[in-house]
Amino acid sequence: MAIKVTVPNTKTINTNIVSKRQAAAVQTLADVDAKDLQDGYTLIYNSETKKWEAVNPATNVSLDAIDGGTY
């Protein structure tokens, strides 16, 4: 992708941005413990292990504990 930037009263700056990053599997991230991952599971942060863990939301999540914030 090429970007052209023009700044008043100066020269034009041309630059090319090239990204060679590929998609990564979530299981390869250092702070994710996905050993119990199954269909329908979600990642929940465990402050004791300091990792995201795959858990069954039906048995591990209290709907009263979810706070989506104020918009």
C-alpha atoms as a PDB file:
ATOM      1  CA  MET A   1       0.000   0.000   0.000  1.00  0.00           C
ATOM      2  CA  ALA A   2       1.473   3.356  -0.977  1.00  0.00           C
ATOM      3  CA  ILE A   3       0.766   6.507   1.008  1.00  0.00           C
ATOM      4  CA  LYS A   4       1.361   9.992  -0.314  1.00  0.00           C
ATOM      5  CA  VAL A   5       1.628  12.795   2.228  1.00  0.00           C
ATOM      6  CA  THR A   6       1.717  16.456   1.248  1.00  0.00           C
ATOM      7  CA  VAL A   7       2.672  19.044   3.830  1.00  0.00           C
ATOM      8  CA  PRO A   8       1.979  22.705   2.925  1.00  0.00           C
ATOM      9  CA  ASN A   9       5.022  24.751   1.877  1.00  0.00           C
ATOM     10  CA  THR A  10       7.340  21.740   1.885  1.00  0.00           C
ATOM     11  CA  LYS A  11       8.284  18.844  -0.338  1.00  0.00           C
ATOM     12  CA  THR A  12       6.074  15.793  -0.921  1.00  0.00           C
ATOM     13  CA  ILE A  13       6.884  12.673   1.081  1.00  0.00           C
ATOM     14  CA  ASN A  14       6.210   9.275  -0.506  1.00  0.00           C
ATOM     15  CA  THR A  15       6.371   6.051   1.438  1.00  0.00           C
ATOM     16  CA  ASN A  16       5.423   2.404   0.998  1.00  0.00           C
ATOM     17  CA  ILE A  17       4.129   0.291   3.860  1.00  0.00           C
ATOM     18  CA  VAL A  18       4.620  -3.438   3.549  1.00  0.00           C
ATOM     19  CA  SER A  19       3.336  -5.892   6.111  1.00  0.00           C
ATOM     20  CA  LYS A  20       4.584  -9.455   6.043  1.00  0.00           C
ATOM     21  CA  ARG A  21       2.877 -10.605   9.245  1.00  0.00           C
ATOM     22  CA  GLN A  22       0.846 -13.750   8.973  1.00  0.00           C
ATOM     23  CA  ALA A  23      -2.064 -14.911  11.061  1.00  0.00           C
ATOM     24  CA  ALA A  24      -1.136 -16.775  14.246  1.00  0.00           C
ATOM     25  CA  ALA A  25      -3.072 -19.410  16.147  1.00  0.00           C
ATOM     26  CA  VAL A  26      -4.220 -18.270  19.573  1.00  0.00           C
ATOM     27  CA  GLN A  27      -2.722 -21.452  21.061  1.00  0.00           C
ATOM     28  CA  THR A  28       0.770 -20.220  20.156  1.00  0.00           C
ATOM     29  CA  LEU A  29       0.545 -17.101  22.339  1.00  0.00           C
ATOM     30  CA  ALA A  30       2.657 -17.279  25.498  1.00  0.00           C
ATOM     31  CA  ASP A  31      -0.091 -16.067  27.839  1.00  0.00           C
ATOM     32  CA  VAL A  32      -2.826 -18.429  26.579  1.00  0.00           C
ATOM     33  CA  ASP A  33      -3.496 -21.859  28.075  1.00  0.00           C
ATOM     34  CA  ALA A  34      -5.713 -23.558  25.491  1.00  0.00           C
ATOM     35  CA  LYS A  35      -5.080 -27.174  26.468  1.00  0.00           C
ATOM     36  CA  ASP A  36      -8.780 -27.676  27.368  1.00  0.00           C
ATOM     37  CA  LEU A  37     -10.129 -25.805  24.323  1.00  0.00           C
ATOM     38  CA  GLN A  38     -13.382 -27.163  22.866  1.00  0.00           C
ATOM     39  CA  ASP A  39     -16.216 -25.878  20.683  1.00  0.00           C
ATOM     40  CA  GLY A  40     -18.254 -23.254  22.543  1.00  0.00           C
ATOM     41  CA  TYR A  41     -15.528 -22.463  25.082  1.00  0.00           C
ATOM     42  CA  THR A  42     -14.296 -18.935  25.726  1.00  0.00           C
ATOM     43  CA  LEU A  43     -11.029 -17.440  26.958  1.00  0.00           C
ATOM     44  CA  ILE A  44     -11.159 -16.083  30.506  1.00  0.00           C
ATOM     45  CA  TYR A  45      -8.232 -14.410  32.263  1.00  0.00           C
ATOM     46  CA  ASN A  46      -6.904 -16.159  35.374  1.00  0.00           C
ATOM     47  CA  SER A  47      -5.153 -13.593  37.575  1.00  0.00           C
ATOM     48  CA  GLU A  48      -3.409 -16.314  39.605  1.00  0.00           C
ATOM     49  CA  THR A  49      -1.687 -17.912  36.594  1.00  0.00           C
ATOM     50  CA  LYS A  50      -1.595 -14.626  34.630  1.00  0.00           C
ATOM     51  CA  LYS A  51      -2.870 -16.504  31.573  1.00  0.00           C
ATOM     52  CA  TRP A  52      -5.994 -16.665  29.454  1.00  0.00           C
ATOM     53  CA  GLU A  53      -7.624 -20.071  29.851  1.00  0.00           C
ATOM     54  CA  ALA A  54     -10.182 -21.889  27.706  1.00  0.00           C
ATOM     55  CA  VAL A  55     -13.238 -22.612  29.853  1.00  0.00           C
ATOM     56  CA  ASN A  56     -16.851 -23.652  29.418  1.00  0.00           C
ATOM     57  CA  PRO A  57     -18.830 -20.427  29.991  1.00  0.00           C
ATOM     58  CA  ALA A  58     -21.958 -22.372  30.993  1.00  0.00           C
ATOM     59  CA  THR A  59     -20.225 -23.764  34.086  1.00  0.00           C
ATOM     60  CA  ASN A  60     -17.542 -21.147  34.833  1.00  0.00           C
ATOM     61  CA  VAL A  61     -19.162 -17.768  34.224  1.00  0.00           C
ATOM     62  CA  SER A  62     -21.693 -16.099  36.489  1.00  0.00           C
ATOM     63  CA  LEU A  63     -23.868 -13.753  34.440  1.00  0.00           C
ATOM     64  CA  ASP A  64     -24.107 -11.486  37.497  1.00  0.00           C
ATOM     65  CA  ALA A  65     -20.323 -10.980  37.335  1.00  0.00           C
ATOM     66  CA  ILE A  66     -20.333  -9.615  33.774  1.00  0.00           C
ATOM     67  CA  ASP A  67     -20.108  -5.827  33.534  1.00  0.00           C
ATOM     68  CA  GLY A  68     -20.225  -4.514  29.993  1.00  0.00           C
ATOM     69  CA  GLY A  69     -19.691  -0.918  31.110  1.00  0.00           C
ATOM     70  CA  THR A  70     -21.718   2.199  30.410  1.00  0.00           C
ATOM     71  CA  TYR A  71     -22.063   3.670  26.942  1.00  0.00           C
END
